Amino acid sequence: IPVSFRGRRGGYTHCMFLNDEPAIAGGRE
């Protein structure tokens, strides 16, 4: 989702789905 934070524009990741356990564990942790 396009957002702004303290005047800077960026993106907020709302949800993700993938098929790889290391990437799930590493991404979350």
PDB file of all heavy atoms in Angstrom:
ATOM      1  N   ILE A   1       0.847  -1.190   0.000  1.00  0.00           N
ATOM      2  CA  ILE A   1       0.000   0.000   0.000  1.00  0.00           C
ATOM      3  C   ILE A   1       0.887   1.248   0.000  1.00  0.00           C
ATOM      4  O   ILE A   1       1.729   1.404   0.897  1.00  0.00           O
ATOM      5  CB  ILE A   1      -0.916  -0.002   1.234  1.00  0.00           C
ATOM      6  CG1 ILE A   1      -1.819  -1.243   1.212  1.00  0.00           C
ATOM      7  CG2 ILE A   1      -1.756   1.277   1.296  1.00  0.00           C
ATOM      8  CD1 ILE A   1      -2.591  -1.465   2.513  1.00  0.00           C
ATOM      9  N   PRO A   2       0.726   2.146  -0.974  1.00  0.00           N
ATOM     10  CA  PRO A   2       1.462   3.414  -0.934  1.00  0.00           C
ATOM     11  C   PRO A   2       1.073   4.235   0.301  1.00  0.00           C
ATOM     12  O   PRO A   2      -0.117   4.441   0.567  1.00  0.00           O
ATOM     13  CB  PRO A   2       1.028   4.115  -2.225  1.00  0.00           C
ATOM     14  CG  PRO A   2       0.576   3.001  -3.126  1.00  0.00           C
ATOM     15  CD  PRO A   2      -0.057   1.993  -2.209  1.00  0.00           C
ATOM     16  N   VAL A   3       2.076   4.670   1.054  1.00  0.00           N
ATOM     17  CA  VAL A   3       1.861   5.411   2.297  1.00  0.00           C
ATOM     18  C   VAL A   3       2.885   6.536   2.392  1.00  0.00           C
ATOM     19  O   VAL A   3       3.808   6.633   1.581  1.00  0.00           O
ATOM     20  CB  VAL A   3       1.999   4.492   3.539  1.00  0.00           C
ATOM     21  CG1 VAL A   3       0.921   3.426   3.562  1.00  0.00           C
ATOM     22  CG2 VAL A   3       3.396   3.884   3.605  1.00  0.00           C
ATOM     23  N   SER A   4       2.716   7.357   3.420  1.00  0.00           N
ATOM     24  CA  SER A   4       3.744   8.342   3.766  1.00  0.00           C
ATOM     25  C   SER A   4       4.059   8.214   5.248  1.00  0.00           C
ATOM     26  O   SER A   4       3.192   7.863   6.062  1.00  0.00           O
ATOM     27  CB  SER A   4       3.290   9.765   3.435  1.00  0.00           C
ATOM     28  OG  SER A   4       2.131  10.115   4.171  1.00  0.00           O
ATOM     29  N   PHE A   5       5.318   8.492   5.591  1.00  0.00           N
ATOM     30  CA  PHE A   5       5.777   8.426   6.975  1.00  0.00           C
ATOM     31  C   PHE A   5       6.669   9.636   7.230  1.00  0.00           C
ATOM     32  O   PHE A   5       7.738   9.748   6.639  1.00  0.00           O
ATOM     33  CB  PHE A   5       6.555   7.129   7.231  1.00  0.00           C
ATOM     34  CG  PHE A   5       7.147   7.025   8.613  1.00  0.00           C
ATOM     35  CD1 PHE A   5       6.333   6.844   9.729  1.00  0.00           C
ATOM     36  CD2 PHE A   5       8.516   7.120   8.802  1.00  0.00           C
ATOM     37  CE1 PHE A   5       6.876   6.754  10.999  1.00  0.00           C
ATOM     38  CE2 PHE A   5       9.068   7.021  10.063  1.00  0.00           C
ATOM     39  CZ  PHE A   5       8.250   6.838  11.167  1.00  0.00           C
ATOM     40  N   ARG A   6       6.172  10.539   8.069  1.00  0.00           N
ATOM     41  CA  ARG A   6       6.910  11.770   8.392  1.00  0.00           C
ATOM     42  C   ARG A   6       7.343  12.501   7.132  1.00  0.00           C
ATOM     43  O   ARG A   6       8.472  12.966   7.012  1.00  0.00           O
ATOM     44  CB  ARG A   6       8.106  11.450   9.287  1.00  0.00           C
ATOM     45  CG  ARG A   6       7.705  10.856  10.640  1.00  0.00           C
ATOM     46  CD  ARG A   6       8.913  10.391  11.451  1.00  0.00           C
ATOM     47  NE  ARG A   6       8.477   9.784  12.712  1.00  0.00           N
ATOM     48  CZ  ARG A   6       9.285   9.089  13.508  1.00  0.00           C
ATOM     49  NH1 ARG A   6      10.560   8.921  13.191  1.00  0.00           N
ATOM     50  NH2 ARG A   6       8.822   8.566  14.624  1.00  0.00           N
ATOM     51  N   GLY A   7       6.416  12.585   6.198  1.00  0.00           N
ATOM     52  CA  GLY A   7       6.654  13.326   4.978  1.00  0.00           C
ATOM     53  C   GLY A   7       7.349  12.565   3.871  1.00  0.00           C
ATOM     54  O   GLY A   7       7.510  13.087   2.764  1.00  0.00           O
ATOM     55  N   ARG A   8       7.766  11.323   4.120  1.00  0.00           N
ATOM     56  CA  ARG A   8       8.442  10.523   3.104  1.00  0.00           C
ATOM     57  C   ARG A   8       7.481   9.481   2.548  1.00  0.00           C
ATOM     58  O   ARG A   8       6.832   8.778   3.309  1.00  0.00           O
ATOM     59  CB  ARG A   8       9.681   9.832   3.683  1.00  0.00           C
ATOM     60  CG  ARG A   8      10.773  10.793   4.127  1.00  0.00           C
ATOM     61  CD  ARG A   8      12.012  10.061   4.587  1.00  0.00           C
ATOM     62  NE  ARG A   8      11.739   9.240   5.761  1.00  0.00           N
ATOM     63  CZ  ARG A   8      11.991   7.935   5.837  1.00  0.00           C
ATOM     64  NH1 ARG A   8      12.514   7.290   4.818  1.00  0.00           N
ATOM     65  NH2 ARG A   8      11.734   7.267   6.941  1.00  0.00           N
ATOM     66  N   ARG A   9       7.436   9.373   1.224  1.00  0.00           N
ATOM     67  CA  ARG A   9       6.552   8.415   0.588  1.00  0.00           C
ATOM     68  C   ARG A   9       7.239   7.064   0.446  1.00  0.00           C
ATOM     69  O   ARG A   9       8.427   6.990   0.132  1.00  0.00           O
ATOM     70  CB  ARG A   9       6.123   8.925  -0.782  1.00  0.00           C
ATOM     71  CG  ARG A   9       5.213  10.142  -0.717  1.00  0.00           C
ATOM     72  CD  ARG A   9       4.685  10.506  -2.073  1.00  0.00           C
ATOM     73  NE  ARG A   9       3.746  11.604  -2.005  1.00  0.00           N
ATOM     74  CZ  ARG A   9       3.072  12.090  -3.056  1.00  0.00           C
ATOM     75  NH1 ARG A   9       3.272  11.540  -4.253  1.00  0.00           N
ATOM     76  NH2 ARG A   9       2.235  13.091  -2.917  1.00  0.00           N
ATOM     77  N   GLY A  10       6.463   6.004   0.688  1.00  0.00           N
ATOM     78  CA  GLY A  10       6.991   4.656   0.577  1.00  0.00           C
ATOM     79  C   GLY A  10       5.868   3.666   0.424  1.00  0.00           C
ATOM     80  O   GLY A  10       4.753   4.014   0.019  1.00  0.00           O
ATOM     81  N   GLY A  11       6.165   2.402   0.746  1.00  0.00           N
ATOM     82  CA  GLY A  11       5.164   1.350   0.619  1.00  0.00           C
ATOM     83  C   GLY A  11       5.068   0.527   1.888  1.00  0.00           C
ATOM     84  O   GLY A  11       6.084   0.184   2.497  1.00  0.00           O
ATOM     85  N   TYR A  12       3.847   0.224   2.304  1.00  0.00           N
ATOM     86  CA  TYR A  12       3.587  -0.627   3.476  1.00  0.00           C
ATOM     87  C   TYR A  12       3.136  -2.003   2.993  1.00  0.00           C
ATOM     88  O   TYR A  12       2.145  -2.121   2.269  1.00  0.00           O
ATOM     89  CB  TYR A  12       2.513  -0.003   4.361  1.00  0.00           C
ATOM     90  CG  TYR A  12       1.988  -0.918   5.439  1.00  0.00           C
ATOM     91  CD1 TYR A  12       2.810  -1.325   6.490  1.00  0.00           C
ATOM     92  CD2 TYR A  12       0.674  -1.389   5.406  1.00  0.00           C
ATOM     93  CE1 TYR A  12       2.338  -2.176   7.478  1.00  0.00           C
ATOM     94  CE2 TYR A  12       0.187  -2.235   6.405  1.00  0.00           C
ATOM     95  CZ  TYR A  12       1.024  -2.629   7.433  1.00  0.00           C
ATOM     96  OH  TYR A  12       0.552  -3.471   8.413  1.00  0.00           O
ATOM     97  N   THR A  13       3.875  -3.036   3.368  1.00  0.00           N
ATOM     98  CA  THR A  13       3.533  -4.392   2.946  1.00  0.00           C
ATOM     99  C   THR A  13       2.415  -4.924   3.835  1.00  0.00           C
ATOM    100  O   THR A  13       2.600  -5.151   5.029  1.00  0.00           O
ATOM    101  CB  THR A  13       4.759  -5.309   3.016  1.00  0.00           C
ATOM    102  OG1 THR A  13       5.806  -4.760   2.210  1.00  0.00           O
ATOM    103  CG2 THR A  13       4.409  -6.691   2.490  1.00  0.00           C
ATOM    104  N   HIS A  14       1.264  -5.144   3.217  1.00  0.00           N
ATOM    105  CA  HIS A  14       0.060  -5.539   3.950  1.00  0.00           C
ATOM    106  C   HIS A  14      -0.038  -7.048   4.133  1.00  0.00           C
ATOM    107  O   HIS A  14      -0.403  -7.529   5.210  1.00  0.00           O
ATOM    108  CB  HIS A  14      -1.156  -5.014   3.191  1.00  0.00           C
ATOM    109  CG  HIS A  14      -2.472  -5.511   3.694  1.00  0.00           C
ATOM    110  ND1 HIS A  14      -2.861  -5.372   5.008  1.00  0.00           N
ATOM    111  CD2 HIS A  14      -3.490  -6.149   3.053  1.00  0.00           C
ATOM    112  CE1 HIS A  14      -4.062  -5.896   5.165  1.00  0.00           C
ATOM    113  NE2 HIS A  14      -4.456  -6.389   4.007  1.00  0.00           N
ATOM    114  N   CYS A  15       0.295  -7.828   3.093  1.00  0.00           N
ATOM    115  CA  CYS A  15       0.233  -9.286   3.196  1.00  0.00           C
ATOM    116  C   CYS A  15       1.111  -9.897   2.115  1.00  0.00           C
ATOM    117  O   CYS A  15       1.345  -9.298   1.065  1.00  0.00           O
ATOM    118  CB  CYS A  15      -1.202  -9.800   3.073  1.00  0.00           C
ATOM    119  SG  CYS A  15      -1.943  -9.514   1.452  1.00  0.00           S
ATOM    120  N   MET A  16       1.604 -11.120   2.394  1.00  0.00           N
ATOM    121  CA  MET A  16       2.454 -11.827   1.449  1.00  0.00           C
ATOM    122  C   MET A  16       2.186 -13.324   1.547  1.00  0.00           C
ATOM    123  O   MET A  16       1.960 -13.848   2.643  1.00  0.00           O
ATOM    124  CB  MET A  16       3.940 -11.560   1.731  1.00  0.00           C
ATOM    125  CG  MET A  16       4.324 -10.103   1.762  1.00  0.00           C
ATOM    126  SD  MET A  16       6.083  -9.867   2.080  1.00  0.00           S
ATOM    127  CE  MET A  16       6.697 -10.028   0.414  1.00  0.00           C
ATOM    128  N   PHE A  17       2.261 -13.997   0.400  1.00  0.00           N
ATOM    129  CA  PHE A  17       2.090 -15.446   0.335  1.00  0.00           C
ATOM    130  C   PHE A  17       3.201 -16.003  -0.551  1.00  0.00           C
ATOM    131  O   PHE A  17       3.449 -15.492  -1.642  1.00  0.00           O
ATOM    132  CB  PHE A  17       0.717 -15.798  -0.244  1.00  0.00           C
ATOM    133  CG  PHE A  17      -0.428 -15.236   0.550  1.00  0.00           C
ATOM    134  CD1 PHE A  17      -0.906 -13.963   0.288  1.00  0.00           C
ATOM    135  CD2 PHE A  17      -1.008 -15.966   1.582  1.00  0.00           C
ATOM    136  CE1 PHE A  17      -1.949 -13.423   1.032  1.00  0.00           C
ATOM    137  CE2 PHE A  17      -2.040 -15.440   2.332  1.00  0.00           C
ATOM    138  CZ  PHE A  17      -2.517 -14.167   2.057  1.00  0.00           C
ATOM    139  N   LEU A  18       3.866 -17.068  -0.084  1.00  0.00           N
ATOM    140  CA  LEU A  18       4.980 -17.636  -0.834  1.00  0.00           C
ATOM    141  C   LEU A  18       5.126 -19.120  -0.540  1.00  0.00           C
ATOM    142  O   LEU A  18       4.471 -19.656   0.359  1.00  0.00           O
ATOM    143  CB  LEU A  18       6.279 -16.892  -0.534  1.00  0.00           C
ATOM    144  CG  LEU A  18       6.755 -16.853   0.916  1.00  0.00           C
ATOM    145  CD1 LEU A  18       8.262 -16.644   0.975  1.00  0.00           C
ATOM    146  CD2 LEU A  18       6.078 -15.697   1.669  1.00  0.00           C
ATOM    147  N   ASN A  19       6.016 -19.757  -1.318  1.00  0.00           N
ATOM    148  CA  ASN A  19       6.118 -21.220  -1.287  1.00  0.00           C
ATOM    149  C   ASN A  19       7.513 -21.687  -0.874  1.00  0.00           C
ATOM    150  O   ASN A  19       8.013 -22.673  -1.400  1.00  0.00           O
ATOM    151  CB  ASN A  19       5.757 -21.795  -2.663  1.00  0.00           C
ATOM    152  CG  ASN A  19       6.603 -21.192  -3.785  1.00  0.00           C
ATOM    153  OD1 ASN A  19       7.503 -20.386  -3.546  1.00  0.00           O
ATOM    154  ND2 ASN A  19       6.310 -21.590  -5.014  1.00  0.00           N
ATOM    155  N   ASP A  20       8.130 -20.987   0.101  1.00  0.00           N
ATOM    156  CA  ASP A  20       9.505 -21.307   0.479  1.00  0.00           C
ATOM    157  C   ASP A  20       9.683 -21.095   1.988  1.00  0.00           C
ATOM    158  O   ASP A  20       9.568 -19.968   2.472  1.00  0.00           O
ATOM    159  CB  ASP A  20      10.460 -20.403  -0.300  1.00  0.00           C
ATOM    160  CG  ASP A  20      11.908 -20.722  -0.033  1.00  0.00           C
ATOM    161  OD1 ASP A  20      12.350 -21.838  -0.343  1.00  0.00           O
ATOM    162  OD2 ASP A  20      12.615 -19.833   0.490  1.00  0.00           O
ATOM    163  N   GLU A  21       9.970 -22.177   2.711  1.00  0.00           N
ATOM    164  CA  GLU A  21      10.023 -22.090   4.181  1.00  0.00           C
ATOM    165  C   GLU A  21      11.145 -21.187   4.693  1.00  0.00           C
ATOM    166  O   GLU A  21      10.910 -20.387   5.600  1.00  0.00           O
ATOM    167  CB  GLU A  21      10.145 -23.501   4.768  1.00  0.00           C
ATOM    168  CG  GLU A  21       9.918 -23.565   6.275  1.00  0.00           C
ATOM    169  CD  GLU A  21      11.170 -23.308   7.077  1.00  0.00           C
ATOM    170  OE1 GLU A  21      12.266 -23.532   6.545  1.00  0.00           O
ATOM    171  OE2 GLU A  21      11.049 -22.880   8.250  1.00  0.00           O
ATOM    172  N   PRO A  22      12.383 -21.262   4.187  1.00  0.00           N
ATOM    173  CA  PRO A  22      13.418 -20.358   4.698  1.00  0.00           C
ATOM    174  C   PRO A  22      13.059 -18.884   4.523  1.00  0.00           C
ATOM    175  O   PRO A  22      13.307 -18.065   5.420  1.00  0.00           O
ATOM    176  CB  PRO A  22      14.651 -20.735   3.882  1.00  0.00           C
ATOM    177  CG  PRO A  22      14.415 -22.138   3.456  1.00  0.00           C
ATOM    178  CD  PRO A  22      12.941 -22.241   3.231  1.00  0.00           C
ATOM    179  N   ALA A  23      12.463 -18.541   3.380  1.00  0.00           N
ATOM    180  CA  ALA A  23      12.089 -17.155   3.143  1.00  0.00           C
ATOM    181  C   ALA A  23      10.930 -16.725   4.049  1.00  0.00           C
ATOM    182  O   ALA A  23      10.862 -15.562   4.466  1.00  0.00           O
ATOM    183  CB  ALA A  23      11.714 -16.956   1.677  1.00  0.00           C
ATOM    184  N   ILE A  24      10.014 -17.629   4.360  1.00  0.00           N
ATOM    185  CA  ILE A  24       8.943 -17.303   5.304  1.00  0.00           C
ATOM    186  C   ILE A  24       9.522 -17.044   6.688  1.00  0.00           C
ATOM    187  O   ILE A  24       9.242 -16.021   7.320  1.00  0.00           O
ATOM    188  CB  ILE A  24       7.895 -18.434   5.357  1.00  0.00           C
ATOM    189  CG1 ILE A  24       7.131 -18.528   4.036  1.00  0.00           C
ATOM    190  CG2 ILE A  24       6.908 -18.201   6.511  1.00  0.00           C
ATOM    191  CD1 ILE A  24       6.178 -19.700   3.958  1.00  0.00           C
ATOM    192  N   ALA A  25      10.365 -17.977   7.173  1.00  0.00           N
ATOM    193  CA  ALA A  25      10.937 -17.838   8.516  1.00  0.00           C
ATOM    194  C   ALA A  25      11.829 -16.610   8.609  1.00  0.00           C
ATOM    195  O   ALA A  25      11.708 -15.805   9.538  1.00  0.00           O
ATOM    196  CB  ALA A  25      11.723 -19.104   8.874  1.00  0.00           C
ATOM    197  N   GLY A  26      12.747 -16.450   7.645  1.00  0.00           N
ATOM    198  CA  GLY A  26      13.649 -15.314   7.687  1.00  0.00           C
ATOM    199  C   GLY A  26      12.935 -13.990   7.525  1.00  0.00           C
ATOM    200  O   GLY A  26      13.235 -13.014   8.219  1.00  0.00           O
ATOM    201  N   GLY A  27      11.978 -13.944   6.615  1.00  0.00           N
ATOM    202  CA  GLY A  27      11.245 -12.706   6.398  1.00  0.00           C
ATOM    203  C   GLY A  27      10.472 -12.265   7.624  1.00  0.00           C
ATOM    204  O   GLY A  27      10.458 -11.080   7.975  1.00  0.00           O
ATOM    205  N   ARG A  28       9.827 -13.194   8.300  1.00  0.00           N
ATOM    206  CA  ARG A  28       9.061 -12.855   9.501  1.00  0.00           C
ATOM    207  C   ARG A  28       9.973 -12.483  10.659  1.00  0.00           C
ATOM    208  O   ARG A  28       9.732 -11.496  11.371  1.00  0.00           O
ATOM    209  CB  ARG A  28       8.157 -14.035   9.884  1.00  0.00           C
ATOM    210  CG  ARG A  28       7.007 -14.261   8.916  1.00  0.00           C
ATOM    211  CD  ARG A  28       6.292 -15.574   9.184  1.00  0.00           C
ATOM    212  NE  ARG A  28       5.636 -15.579  10.480  1.00  0.00           N
ATOM    213  CZ  ARG A  28       4.330 -15.423  10.675  1.00  0.00           C
ATOM    214  NH1 ARG A  28       3.532 -15.250   9.641  1.00  0.00           N
ATOM    215  NH2 ARG A  28       3.811 -15.444  11.878  1.00  0.00           N
ATOM    216  N   GLU A  29      11.027 -13.291  10.887  1.00  0.00           N
ATOM    217  CA  GLU A  29      11.845 -13.107  12.084  1.00  0.00           C
ATOM    218  C   GLU A  29      12.782 -11.905  11.992  1.00  0.00           C
ATOM    219  O   GLU A  29      12.986 -11.193  12.981  1.00  0.00           O
ATOM    220  CB  GLU A  29      12.648 -14.377  12.357  1.00  0.00           C
ATOM    221  CG  GLU A  29      11.769 -15.568  12.737  1.00  0.00           C
ATOM    222  CD  GLU A  29      12.550 -16.872  12.840  1.00  0.00           C
ATOM    223  OE1 GLU A  29      13.796 -16.839  12.786  1.00  0.00           O
ATOM    224  OE2 GLU A  29      11.910 -17.931  12.960  1.00  0.00           O
TER     225      GLU A  29
END
